[in-house]
N, C-alpha and C. Protein backbone atom coordinates (compact mmCIF):
# COMPACT_ATOMS: atom_id res chain seq x y z
N MET A 1 148.53 161.65 180.84
CA MET A 1 149.63 162.55 181.06
C MET A 1 150.12 162.22 182.60
N SER A 2 151.48 162.00 182.66
CA SER A 2 151.60 161.55 183.86
C SER A 2 151.95 162.69 185.03
N ILE A 3 151.64 162.76 186.17
CA ILE A 3 152.15 163.68 187.07
C ILE A 3 153.43 164.13 186.91
N LEU A 4 154.72 163.32 186.54
CA LEU A 4 156.11 163.72 186.35
C LEU A 4 156.03 164.46 185.53
N LEU A 5 155.21 164.22 184.39
CA LEU A 5 155.78 165.01 182.95
C LEU A 5 154.98 166.32 183.48
N LEU A 6 153.68 166.40 183.82
CA LEU A 6 153.16 167.89 184.26
C LEU A 6 154.20 168.90 184.94
N ALA A 7 155.11 167.88 186.04
CA ALA A 7 156.15 168.65 186.96
C ALA A 7 156.99 169.32 186.19
N LYS A 8 157.36 168.37 185.17
CA LYS A 8 158.22 169.21 183.91
C LYS A 8 157.94 170.26 183.62
N LEU A 9 156.71 170.04 182.96
CA LEU A 9 156.23 171.23 181.99
C LEU A 9 155.76 172.62 183.05
N LEU A 10 155.49 172.19 184.15
CA LEU A 10 155.15 173.76 184.95
C LEU A 10 156.49 174.25 185.52
N VAL A 11 157.47 173.44 186.06
CA VAL A 11 158.82 173.86 186.13
C VAL A 11 159.48 174.49 184.82
N ALA A 12 159.37 174.31 183.68
CA ALA A 12 159.76 174.87 182.56
C ALA A 12 159.07 176.30 181.98
N TYR A 13 157.52 175.92 182.43
CA TYR A 13 156.51 177.44 182.05
C TYR A 13 157.11 178.01 183.17
N LEU A 14 157.45 178.02 184.54
CA LEU A 14 158.15 178.94 185.40
C LEU A 14 159.23 179.51 185.29
N LEU A 15 160.16 178.44 184.54
CA LEU A 15 161.35 179.16 183.93
C LEU A 15 161.40 180.33 182.98
N GLY A 16 160.35 179.87 182.21
CA GLY A 16 159.98 180.51 181.02
C GLY A 16 159.58 182.02 181.45
N SER A 17 158.85 182.24 182.77
CA SER A 17 158.29 183.06 183.36
C SER A 17 159.40 184.27 183.99
N VAL A 18 160.19 183.63 183.87
CA VAL A 18 161.50 184.55 184.42
C VAL A 18 161.99 185.47 183.08
N SER A 19 161.64 186.59 182.98
CA SER A 19 161.55 187.36 181.67
C SER A 19 163.28 188.27 181.58
N GLY A 20 163.88 188.06 180.25
CA GLY A 20 165.26 188.66 180.70
C GLY A 20 164.85 189.84 180.68
N ALA A 21 164.15 190.78 179.88
CA ALA A 21 164.30 192.01 179.48
C ALA A 21 163.84 192.74 180.80
N LEU A 22 162.93 192.32 181.88
CA LEU A 22 162.59 192.87 183.10
C LEU A 22 163.61 192.49 184.14
N LEU A 23 164.00 191.29 183.77
CA LEU A 23 165.53 191.09 185.05
C LEU A 23 166.44 192.10 184.75
N VAL A 24 167.13 192.15 183.30
CA VAL A 24 167.75 193.03 183.29
C VAL A 24 167.62 194.49 183.11
N GLY A 25 166.54 194.80 183.18
CA GLY A 25 165.86 196.03 183.05
C GLY A 25 165.73 196.71 184.61
N ARG A 26 165.96 195.67 185.73
CA ARG A 26 166.02 195.91 186.91
C ARG A 26 167.34 196.75 187.37
N LEU A 27 168.19 196.38 186.80
CA LEU A 27 169.92 196.90 187.06
C LEU A 27 169.59 198.37 186.42
N ARG A 28 169.01 198.86 185.62
CA ARG A 28 168.57 200.05 185.34
C ARG A 28 167.31 200.61 185.40
N ASN A 29 166.99 200.04 186.50
CA ASN A 29 165.35 200.64 186.91
C ASN A 29 164.64 201.12 185.75
N VAL A 30 164.43 200.02 184.94
CA VAL A 30 163.39 200.62 183.69
C VAL A 30 162.72 199.48 183.11
N ASP A 31 161.66 199.64 183.01
CA ASP A 31 160.54 198.42 182.46
C ASP A 31 160.33 198.99 181.27
N ILE A 32 160.67 198.01 180.12
CA ILE A 32 160.81 198.46 178.59
C ILE A 32 159.28 198.35 178.41
N ARG A 33 158.66 197.43 178.98
CA ARG A 33 157.06 197.37 178.61
C ARG A 33 156.39 198.81 178.48
N THR A 34 156.75 199.71 179.28
CA THR A 34 156.44 201.17 178.95
C THR A 34 157.21 202.19 178.07
N LEU A 35 158.17 201.18 177.32
CA LEU A 35 158.87 202.07 176.25
C LEU A 35 158.50 201.33 174.90
N GLY A 36 158.68 202.43 174.13
CA GLY A 36 158.73 201.67 172.48
C GLY A 36 157.36 200.60 172.07
N SER A 37 157.51 199.63 171.50
CA SER A 37 156.58 198.75 171.34
C SER A 37 155.57 198.40 172.39
N GLY A 38 156.20 198.20 173.91
CA GLY A 38 156.04 197.98 175.07
C GLY A 38 155.94 196.41 175.08
N ASN A 39 156.84 195.83 174.28
CA ASN A 39 156.71 194.30 174.25
C ASN A 39 158.34 193.99 175.13
N ALA A 40 158.26 192.92 175.80
CA ALA A 40 159.49 192.55 176.68
C ALA A 40 160.33 191.62 176.17
N GLY A 41 160.78 191.84 174.85
CA GLY A 41 161.78 191.14 173.94
C GLY A 41 162.77 191.86 173.55
N GLY A 42 163.72 191.10 172.93
CA GLY A 42 165.15 191.62 172.10
C GLY A 42 164.94 192.84 171.78
N THR A 43 164.08 192.63 170.46
CA THR A 43 163.90 193.88 169.72
C THR A 43 163.57 195.25 170.32
N ASN A 44 162.67 195.12 171.37
CA ASN A 44 162.28 196.45 171.94
C ASN A 44 163.22 196.63 172.94
N ALA A 45 163.88 195.91 173.36
CA ALA A 45 165.31 196.17 174.23
C ALA A 45 166.46 196.65 173.46
N PHE A 46 166.62 196.23 172.24
CA PHE A 46 167.56 197.10 171.23
C PHE A 46 167.00 198.18 170.99
N ARG A 47 165.77 198.51 170.48
CA ARG A 47 165.51 199.82 170.19
C ARG A 47 165.53 200.95 171.39
N THR A 48 165.19 200.60 172.43
CA THR A 48 164.93 201.87 173.76
C THR A 48 166.26 201.43 174.41
N GLN A 49 167.09 200.28 174.50
CA GLN A 49 168.10 200.55 175.46
C GLN A 49 169.38 200.17 174.79
N GLY A 50 169.70 199.79 173.74
CA GLY A 50 170.50 199.47 173.27
C GLY A 50 171.05 197.99 172.87
N LEU A 51 172.41 198.17 172.22
CA LEU A 51 172.75 196.79 172.14
C LEU A 51 173.13 196.05 173.13
N ALA A 52 174.05 196.30 173.99
CA ALA A 52 174.58 195.74 175.09
C ALA A 52 173.05 194.96 176.20
N PHE A 53 172.08 195.87 176.22
CA PHE A 53 170.84 195.61 177.27
C PHE A 53 170.49 194.54 176.26
N ALA A 54 170.09 194.48 174.81
CA ALA A 54 169.53 193.61 173.94
C ALA A 54 170.06 192.39 174.18
N ALA A 55 171.52 192.08 173.84
CA ALA A 55 172.41 190.91 173.86
C ALA A 55 172.02 190.21 175.03
N ALA A 56 172.21 191.04 176.38
CA ALA A 56 171.73 190.02 177.56
C ALA A 56 170.43 189.83 177.54
N VAL A 57 169.29 190.31 177.01
CA VAL A 57 168.18 189.89 176.76
C VAL A 57 168.08 188.42 176.36
N VAL A 58 168.41 188.84 175.08
CA VAL A 58 168.56 187.72 174.05
C VAL A 58 169.30 186.39 174.69
N ALA A 59 170.34 186.79 175.24
CA ALA A 59 171.40 185.53 175.87
C ALA A 59 170.26 184.70 176.97
N ILE A 60 169.45 185.60 177.69
CA ILE A 60 168.90 184.93 178.98
C ILE A 60 167.84 184.08 178.60
N ASP A 61 166.98 184.87 177.27
CA ASP A 61 165.75 184.15 176.56
C ASP A 61 166.13 182.82 176.10
N VAL A 62 167.32 182.90 175.37
CA VAL A 62 167.40 181.62 174.52
C VAL A 62 167.71 180.49 175.71
N GLY A 63 168.92 181.29 176.63
CA GLY A 63 169.45 180.24 177.79
C GLY A 63 168.09 179.64 178.25
N LYS A 64 167.16 180.14 178.65
CA LYS A 64 166.14 179.54 179.00
C LYS A 64 165.32 178.36 178.40
N GLY A 65 165.53 178.47 177.21
CA GLY A 65 165.07 177.64 176.06
C GLY A 65 165.79 176.31 176.13
N VAL A 66 167.15 176.66 176.26
CA VAL A 66 168.24 175.54 176.43
C VAL A 66 168.03 174.42 177.85
N LEU A 67 167.80 175.57 178.65
CA LEU A 67 167.87 174.88 180.18
C LEU A 67 166.14 173.88 180.16
N ALA A 68 165.32 174.52 179.37
CA ALA A 68 164.09 173.79 179.54
C ALA A 68 164.24 172.56 178.97
N THR A 69 164.49 172.52 177.59
CA THR A 69 164.86 171.07 177.31
C THR A 69 165.72 169.96 178.08
N GLY A 70 166.83 170.52 178.77
CA GLY A 70 167.52 169.92 179.73
C GLY A 70 166.53 169.37 181.05
N ILE A 71 165.87 170.04 181.36
CA ILE A 71 164.73 169.50 182.38
C ILE A 71 163.64 168.74 181.91
N GLY A 72 163.27 168.68 180.57
CA GLY A 72 162.70 167.58 179.90
C GLY A 72 163.19 166.33 179.71
N VAL A 73 164.57 166.09 179.68
CA VAL A 73 165.27 164.77 179.28
C VAL A 73 166.32 164.48 181.09
N LEU A 74 165.33 165.10 182.09
CA LEU A 74 166.24 164.64 182.98
C LEU A 74 165.48 163.01 183.33
N PRO A 75 166.22 162.07 183.87
CA PRO A 75 165.72 160.46 184.19
C PRO A 75 165.11 160.77 185.68
N VAL A 76 163.72 161.15 185.37
CA VAL A 76 162.87 160.79 186.68
C VAL A 76 162.12 159.60 186.45
N GLY A 77 162.36 158.71 185.94
CA GLY A 77 161.34 157.54 185.73
C GLY A 77 160.25 157.32 184.67
N LEU A 78 160.30 158.30 183.70
CA LEU A 78 159.25 158.75 182.65
C LEU A 78 159.88 157.67 181.58
N VAL A 79 159.16 156.89 181.11
CA VAL A 79 159.45 156.07 179.85
C VAL A 79 159.12 156.64 178.47
N THR A 80 157.77 156.91 178.59
CA THR A 80 157.08 157.37 177.39
C THR A 80 156.38 159.09 178.09
N PRO A 81 156.46 159.71 177.18
CA PRO A 81 156.86 159.90 175.58
C PRO A 81 158.07 160.07 175.82
N SER A 82 158.59 159.89 174.76
CA SER A 82 160.38 160.01 174.56
C SER A 82 161.04 160.98 174.98
N PRO A 83 162.05 160.63 175.24
CA PRO A 83 162.88 162.01 175.93
C PRO A 83 163.25 163.06 174.90
N LEU A 84 162.86 162.67 173.61
CA LEU A 84 163.29 163.72 172.81
C LEU A 84 161.67 164.79 172.82
N ALA A 85 160.57 163.88 172.84
CA ALA A 85 159.25 164.69 172.89
C ALA A 85 158.87 165.57 174.12
N GLN A 86 159.86 164.90 175.39
CA GLN A 86 159.81 165.42 176.37
C GLN A 86 160.58 167.31 176.44
N ALA A 87 161.55 166.71 175.70
CA ALA A 87 162.42 167.82 175.87
C ALA A 87 161.80 169.05 174.83
N LEU A 88 161.35 168.51 173.90
CA LEU A 88 160.21 169.77 172.95
C LEU A 88 159.23 170.01 173.98
N ALA A 89 158.28 169.44 174.61
CA ALA A 89 157.35 169.91 175.13
C ALA A 89 157.87 170.86 175.88
N CYS A 90 158.94 170.70 176.98
CA CYS A 90 159.42 171.49 177.80
C CYS A 90 160.13 172.89 177.40
N GLY A 91 160.59 172.34 176.43
CA GLY A 91 160.78 174.03 175.48
C GLY A 91 160.03 174.61 175.09
N TYR A 92 159.05 174.27 174.63
CA TYR A 92 157.49 174.94 174.23
C TYR A 92 156.62 175.55 175.30
N ALA A 93 156.95 174.93 176.62
CA ALA A 93 156.12 175.17 177.48
C ALA A 93 157.20 176.18 178.18
N CYS A 94 158.22 176.58 178.16
CA CYS A 94 159.04 177.73 178.33
C CYS A 94 158.93 178.55 177.70
N ALA A 95 158.45 178.81 176.35
CA ALA A 95 158.25 179.84 175.41
C ALA A 95 156.86 180.16 175.72
N ILE A 96 155.90 179.71 176.17
CA ILE A 96 154.60 180.05 176.74
C ILE A 96 154.41 180.78 177.94
N GLY A 97 155.90 180.49 179.03
CA GLY A 97 155.79 181.15 180.00
C GLY A 97 156.56 182.58 179.47
N HIS A 98 157.44 182.53 178.63
CA HIS A 98 158.30 183.87 178.39
C HIS A 98 157.10 184.72 177.90
N VAL A 99 155.87 184.07 176.92
CA VAL A 99 155.10 185.04 176.49
C VAL A 99 153.96 185.51 177.54
N TRP A 100 153.57 184.62 178.41
CA TRP A 100 152.66 185.05 179.27
C TRP A 100 153.58 184.71 180.84
N PRO A 101 154.28 185.43 181.18
CA PRO A 101 154.87 185.16 182.83
C PRO A 101 154.06 185.37 183.63
N VAL A 102 153.74 184.42 184.68
CA VAL A 102 153.22 184.39 185.86
C VAL A 102 153.57 185.39 186.96
N PHE A 103 154.76 185.64 186.58
CA PHE A 103 155.63 186.24 187.45
C PHE A 103 155.64 188.19 187.19
N HIS A 104 155.07 188.20 185.98
CA HIS A 104 155.10 189.62 185.50
C HIS A 104 153.63 189.94 185.07
N GLY A 105 152.53 189.73 185.48
CA GLY A 105 151.03 189.84 185.19
C GLY A 105 150.76 189.54 183.72
N PHE A 106 151.48 188.27 183.43
CA PHE A 106 151.43 188.21 182.24
C PHE A 106 151.43 188.74 180.84
N ARG A 107 152.44 189.27 180.96
CA ARG A 107 152.67 190.48 179.86
C ARG A 107 154.06 190.30 179.70
N GLY A 108 154.49 189.09 178.51
CA GLY A 108 155.90 188.63 178.27
C GLY A 108 156.37 189.22 176.96
N GLY A 109 157.28 188.65 176.33
CA GLY A 109 157.81 188.64 174.98
C GLY A 109 157.11 188.07 174.23
N LYS A 110 157.57 187.63 172.92
CA LYS A 110 156.83 187.11 171.87
C LYS A 110 157.34 185.70 171.60
N GLY A 111 158.35 185.27 172.44
CA GLY A 111 158.53 183.66 172.50
C GLY A 111 159.93 183.33 171.50
N ALA A 112 160.18 184.05 170.44
CA ALA A 112 160.95 183.28 169.28
C ALA A 112 162.17 183.28 170.04
N ALA A 113 163.26 183.91 170.60
CA ALA A 113 164.07 183.51 171.14
C ALA A 113 164.48 182.51 172.06
N THR A 114 163.47 182.19 172.91
CA THR A 114 163.15 181.20 173.73
C THR A 114 163.09 179.70 172.80
N LEU A 115 162.10 179.51 171.84
CA LEU A 115 161.82 178.62 171.06
C LEU A 115 163.17 178.41 170.07
N ALA A 116 163.93 179.21 169.95
CA ALA A 116 165.25 179.13 169.32
C ALA A 116 166.26 178.21 170.15
N GLY A 117 165.97 178.70 171.44
CA GLY A 117 166.87 178.24 172.47
C GLY A 117 166.80 176.41 172.41
N ALA A 118 165.51 176.42 172.78
CA ALA A 118 165.06 174.77 172.71
C ALA A 118 165.33 174.38 171.49
N LEU A 119 165.24 174.68 170.38
CA LEU A 119 165.73 174.04 169.03
C LEU A 119 167.25 173.95 168.94
N ILE A 120 168.12 174.92 169.41
CA ILE A 120 169.22 174.85 169.57
C ILE A 120 169.81 173.36 170.30
N ALA A 121 169.24 173.29 171.14
CA ALA A 121 169.69 172.41 172.23
C ALA A 121 168.96 170.92 171.80
N VAL A 122 168.17 170.81 171.30
CA VAL A 122 167.76 169.19 170.56
C VAL A 122 167.98 169.02 168.90
N ALA A 123 168.12 170.24 168.16
CA ALA A 123 168.06 169.83 166.63
C ALA A 123 168.94 171.31 166.08
N PRO A 124 170.01 171.88 166.76
CA PRO A 124 171.32 172.94 166.14
C PRO A 124 170.95 172.87 164.54
N GLY A 125 171.10 171.76 163.75
CA GLY A 125 171.32 172.15 162.48
C GLY A 125 169.91 172.49 161.57
N ALA A 126 168.99 172.35 162.96
CA ALA A 126 167.38 172.78 162.14
C ALA A 126 167.42 174.18 162.19
N THR A 127 168.49 175.02 162.92
CA THR A 127 168.24 176.54 163.23
C THR A 127 168.71 177.13 161.59
N VAL A 128 169.39 176.38 161.07
CA VAL A 128 170.34 176.98 160.31
C VAL A 128 169.40 178.10 159.10
N LEU A 129 168.73 177.10 158.26
CA LEU A 129 167.59 177.76 157.50
C LEU A 129 166.75 178.88 157.77
N PRO A 130 165.99 178.69 158.84
CA PRO A 130 165.00 179.84 159.61
C PRO A 130 166.19 180.93 159.75
N MET A 131 167.04 180.87 160.47
CA MET A 131 167.98 181.86 160.42
C MET A 131 168.72 182.94 159.02
N ILE A 132 168.90 181.69 158.27
CA ILE A 132 168.96 182.43 156.65
C ILE A 132 167.88 183.38 156.21
N VAL A 133 166.46 182.57 156.57
CA VAL A 133 165.26 183.08 156.16
C VAL A 133 165.27 184.67 156.79
N TRP A 134 165.52 184.50 158.07
CA TRP A 134 165.22 185.76 158.98
C TRP A 134 166.15 187.10 158.22
N LEU A 135 167.48 186.50 158.24
CA LEU A 135 168.34 187.55 157.56
C LEU A 135 168.10 188.16 156.42
N ALA A 136 167.70 187.19 155.53
CA ALA A 136 167.45 187.65 154.36
C ALA A 136 166.28 188.60 154.02
N THR A 137 165.20 188.20 154.98
CA THR A 137 163.87 188.92 155.21
C THR A 137 164.36 190.51 155.70
N LEU A 138 165.20 190.37 156.83
CA LEU A 138 165.21 191.57 157.45
C LEU A 138 166.43 192.49 156.45
N VAL A 139 167.28 192.35 155.39
CA VAL A 139 167.64 192.55 154.88
C VAL A 139 167.26 193.26 153.33
N ALA A 140 165.87 192.39 153.05
CA ALA A 140 165.38 192.65 152.07
C ALA A 140 164.23 193.70 152.58
N THR A 141 163.76 193.65 153.74
CA THR A 141 162.56 194.50 153.80
C THR A 141 162.64 195.78 155.15
N GLY A 142 163.36 194.96 156.13
CA GLY A 142 163.99 195.84 157.52
C GLY A 142 162.83 195.38 158.45
N TYR A 143 162.10 194.93 158.10
CA TYR A 143 161.10 194.31 159.30
C TYR A 143 161.40 193.34 159.67
N VAL A 144 161.48 193.43 161.26
CA VAL A 144 162.04 192.46 162.24
C VAL A 144 160.74 191.27 162.44
N GLY A 145 159.66 191.94 162.76
CA GLY A 145 158.21 191.10 162.76
C GLY A 145 158.02 190.17 161.84
N LEU A 146 158.21 190.44 160.60
CA LEU A 146 158.46 189.61 159.32
C LEU A 146 158.99 188.60 158.98
N SER A 147 160.59 188.95 159.61
CA SER A 147 161.70 188.33 159.23
C SER A 147 161.41 186.75 160.30
N THR A 148 160.94 187.22 161.66
CA THR A 148 160.85 186.03 162.66
C THR A 148 159.57 185.32 162.05
N VAL A 149 158.19 185.97 161.54
CA VAL A 149 157.33 185.15 161.33
C VAL A 149 157.76 184.12 160.07
N LEU A 150 158.64 184.84 158.91
CA LEU A 150 158.56 183.77 157.87
C LEU A 150 159.93 182.61 158.24
N ALA A 151 160.76 183.28 159.32
CA ALA A 151 161.43 181.94 159.65
C ALA A 151 161.13 180.88 160.51
N ALA A 152 159.95 181.48 161.16
CA ALA A 152 159.12 180.56 162.07
C ALA A 152 158.31 179.53 161.38
N ALA A 153 157.83 180.07 160.05
CA ALA A 153 156.87 179.44 159.02
C ALA A 153 157.85 178.23 158.07
N SER A 154 159.35 178.72 158.21
CA SER A 154 160.07 177.56 157.40
C SER A 154 160.47 176.41 158.22
N LEU A 155 160.26 176.50 159.53
CA LEU A 155 160.70 175.67 160.78
C LEU A 155 159.98 174.23 160.30
N PRO A 156 158.86 174.21 160.25
CA PRO A 156 157.69 172.86 159.68
C PRO A 156 158.71 171.91 158.35
N LEU A 157 158.90 172.83 157.71
CA LEU A 157 159.29 172.18 156.56
C LEU A 157 160.72 171.89 156.82
N VAL A 158 161.76 172.41 157.40
CA VAL A 158 163.04 172.04 158.02
C VAL A 158 162.93 170.63 158.48
N LEU A 159 161.97 170.47 159.76
CA LEU A 159 161.68 169.95 160.74
C LEU A 159 161.26 167.97 159.89
N LEU A 160 160.66 168.71 159.17
CA LEU A 160 159.94 167.56 158.30
C LEU A 160 161.43 166.90 157.68
N LEU A 161 161.89 167.55 156.74
CA LEU A 161 163.13 167.18 156.32
C LEU A 161 164.17 165.97 157.19
N LEU A 162 164.19 166.80 158.29
CA LEU A 162 165.40 166.01 159.50
C LEU A 162 164.49 164.90 159.89
N ALA A 163 163.22 165.07 160.19
CA ALA A 163 162.61 164.14 161.07
C ALA A 163 162.22 162.64 160.41
N SER A 164 162.04 161.47 161.11
CA SER A 164 162.17 160.31 160.52
C SER A 164 161.48 159.30 161.68
N GLY A 165 160.79 158.39 161.22
CA GLY A 165 160.51 157.25 162.63
C GLY A 165 159.84 157.99 163.24
N ARG A 166 160.54 157.68 164.62
CA ARG A 166 160.05 157.95 166.01
C ARG A 166 160.05 159.42 166.35
N THR A 167 160.80 160.14 165.31
CA THR A 167 161.23 161.30 165.92
C THR A 167 160.07 162.42 165.09
N PHE A 168 159.53 161.86 164.27
CA PHE A 168 158.62 162.59 163.30
C PHE A 168 157.47 163.52 163.97
N ALA A 169 156.94 162.73 164.48
CA ALA A 169 155.62 163.42 165.40
C ALA A 169 156.34 164.46 166.43
N PRO A 170 156.97 164.31 167.13
CA PRO A 170 157.62 165.35 168.08
C PRO A 170 157.87 166.55 167.36
N TYR A 171 158.91 166.34 166.36
CA TYR A 171 159.26 167.39 165.80
C TYR A 171 158.21 168.23 165.04
N MET A 172 157.23 167.84 164.23
CA MET A 172 156.45 168.44 163.44
C MET A 172 155.49 168.87 164.61
N LEU A 173 155.20 168.52 165.57
CA LEU A 173 154.42 168.86 166.30
C LEU A 173 154.92 170.03 167.04
N PHE A 174 156.30 170.11 167.36
CA PHE A 174 156.87 171.23 167.65
C PHE A 174 157.26 172.64 166.83
N GLY A 175 157.41 172.04 165.25
CA GLY A 175 157.57 173.14 164.55
C GLY A 175 156.12 173.74 164.24
N LEU A 176 155.17 172.98 164.03
CA LEU A 176 153.68 173.86 163.82
C LEU A 176 153.07 174.27 165.22
N ALA A 177 153.59 173.98 166.08
CA ALA A 177 152.87 174.71 167.27
C ALA A 177 154.06 175.97 167.67
N SER A 178 155.14 175.80 167.07
CA SER A 178 156.06 177.13 167.23
C SER A 178 155.96 178.25 166.32
N ALA A 179 155.30 177.89 165.01
CA ALA A 179 154.91 178.44 163.87
C ALA A 179 153.78 178.94 164.31
N ALA A 180 152.98 178.71 164.75
CA ALA A 180 151.44 179.12 165.24
C ALA A 180 151.45 180.17 166.66
N LEU A 181 152.56 179.74 167.32
CA LEU A 181 152.70 180.95 168.04
C LEU A 181 153.47 182.46 168.08
N ILE A 182 154.36 182.00 166.88
CA ILE A 182 155.28 183.25 166.44
C ILE A 182 153.95 184.07 165.70
N VAL A 183 153.38 183.52 164.53
CA VAL A 183 152.55 183.77 164.24
C VAL A 183 151.27 184.90 164.95
N PHE A 184 150.79 184.31 165.74
CA PHE A 184 149.90 184.64 166.77
C PHE A 184 150.43 186.00 167.97
N THR A 185 151.80 185.63 168.32
CA THR A 185 152.61 186.72 169.06
C THR A 185 152.85 188.23 167.96
N HIS A 186 153.27 187.79 167.14
CA HIS A 186 153.45 189.25 165.96
C HIS A 186 152.19 189.38 165.08
N ARG A 187 150.93 189.04 165.95
CA ARG A 187 149.82 189.58 164.88
C ARG A 187 149.64 191.10 164.72
N GLU A 188 149.85 191.92 165.74
CA GLU A 188 149.95 193.39 165.87
C GLU A 188 151.11 193.43 164.53
N ASN A 189 152.23 193.14 164.79
CA ASN A 189 153.01 193.50 163.37
C ASN A 189 152.93 193.48 162.30
N LEU A 190 151.80 191.95 162.05
CA LEU A 190 151.51 192.18 160.63
C LEU A 190 150.31 192.85 160.38
N LYS A 191 149.52 193.32 161.24
CA LYS A 191 148.30 194.52 161.04
C LYS A 191 148.98 195.63 160.74
N ARG A 192 150.21 196.35 161.69
CA ARG A 192 150.94 197.32 161.06
C ARG A 192 151.40 197.54 159.87
N MET A 193 151.86 196.07 159.34
CA MET A 193 152.49 196.16 158.08
C MET A 193 151.28 196.41 156.72
N ARG A 194 150.20 195.58 157.12
CA ARG A 194 149.04 196.25 156.06
C ARG A 194 148.92 197.35 156.38
N ALA A 195 148.85 197.91 157.48
CA ALA A 195 148.47 199.36 157.74
C ALA A 195 149.78 200.66 157.35
N GLY A 196 150.83 200.14 156.87
CA GLY A 196 151.94 200.79 156.39
C GLY A 196 152.40 201.70 157.50
N THR A 197 152.41 201.09 158.89
CA THR A 197 152.72 202.12 160.00
C THR A 197 153.85 200.70 161.09
N GLU A 198 154.29 200.27 160.42
CA GLU A 198 155.21 198.87 160.98
C GLU A 198 156.64 199.86 161.04
N HIS A 199 157.40 199.65 162.07
CA HIS A 199 158.72 200.05 162.07
C HIS A 199 159.44 199.63 161.32
N ARG A 200 160.36 200.00 160.76
CA ARG A 200 161.14 199.38 159.93
C ARG A 200 163.12 199.46 160.50
N PHE A 201 163.66 198.67 160.44
CA PHE A 201 165.19 198.65 161.08
C PHE A 201 165.87 199.28 159.77
N GLU A 202 166.03 200.16 159.51
CA GLU A 202 166.44 200.91 158.25
C GLU A 202 168.40 200.25 157.95
N ARG A 203 168.64 200.47 159.51
CA ARG A 203 170.05 200.14 159.04
C ARG A 203 170.32 198.89 158.84
N ALA A 204 169.46 197.77 158.65
CA ALA A 204 169.65 196.39 158.61
C ALA A 204 169.03 196.33 157.10
N ARG A 205 168.19 197.37 156.29
CA ARG A 205 167.55 197.09 155.22
C ARG A 205 168.33 197.46 153.96
N LEU A 206 169.53 196.89 153.85
CA LEU A 206 170.43 196.89 152.76
C LEU A 206 169.85 196.96 151.41
N LEU A 207 169.05 196.01 151.03
CA LEU A 207 168.27 196.54 149.81
C LEU A 207 167.77 197.92 149.42
N GLY A 208 166.99 198.10 150.42
CA GLY A 208 166.33 199.39 150.17
C GLY A 208 167.71 200.85 150.07
N ARG A 209 168.59 200.62 150.60
CA ARG A 209 169.60 201.65 150.41
C ARG A 209 170.26 201.36 149.15
N LEU A 210 170.39 200.26 148.59
CA LEU A 210 171.23 200.01 147.49
C LEU A 210 170.18 200.41 146.06
N ASP A 211 168.97 200.45 146.48
CA ASP A 211 168.41 200.94 145.51
C ASP A 211 167.80 202.58 145.34
N GLY A 212 168.23 202.91 146.47
CA GLY A 212 168.08 204.42 146.74
C GLY A 212 166.77 204.61 147.39
N ASP A 213 166.35 203.99 147.89
CA ASP A 213 164.75 204.28 148.82
C ASP A 213 165.08 205.27 150.13
N ASP A 214 164.47 206.43 149.99
CA ASP A 214 164.53 207.14 151.25
C ASP A 214 164.15 206.25 152.65
N PRO A 215 164.64 206.32 153.92
CA PRO A 215 164.23 205.67 155.11
C PRO A 215 162.97 206.56 155.28
N LYS A 216 162.15 205.54 156.02
CA LYS A 216 160.58 206.14 156.39
C LYS A 216 160.45 206.44 157.86
């Protein structure tokens, strides 16, 4: 791995370390890591601070992923790996920075929005099926964490269908690594689901209301 590529990955990681939740939180003098689930991400921001706050957080976190892929394709003399591979690697490094931010004591969010931003930048069509999976799971169950995990799990299959030739390895590595990261960062959500203590987003759980279930 060249020094130039390492430099790109480092810059992308540092960009990811700028937490949207904590940045916006400074405007309200609040650290959402001390509230709700303690996670510095969009879901906890919405539950504890409301829609406008959460929308700003998600916009920043998605934007980081988009910008990171731009860092990856900067023409600074690198021939290999391919521009696509560099873009995806930088997008992933940005997500790592979001999850473990050096500027915030290595306590960040769960990485989904930042990974989505990277994917939007390089293959926007690949986001369609994961978004459908996410919405369908949320409507059916009300579990945001489960929705995100299943959406991430669908990503390698989507990229398998899109990838060909020289794009196969970069897409598949990104898809598999992204799915693994999302499962890891949502491991506590999955444990709480098994224990029956995971929080449901009842307003989104349309099927439960149609079936006459009482909110928990």
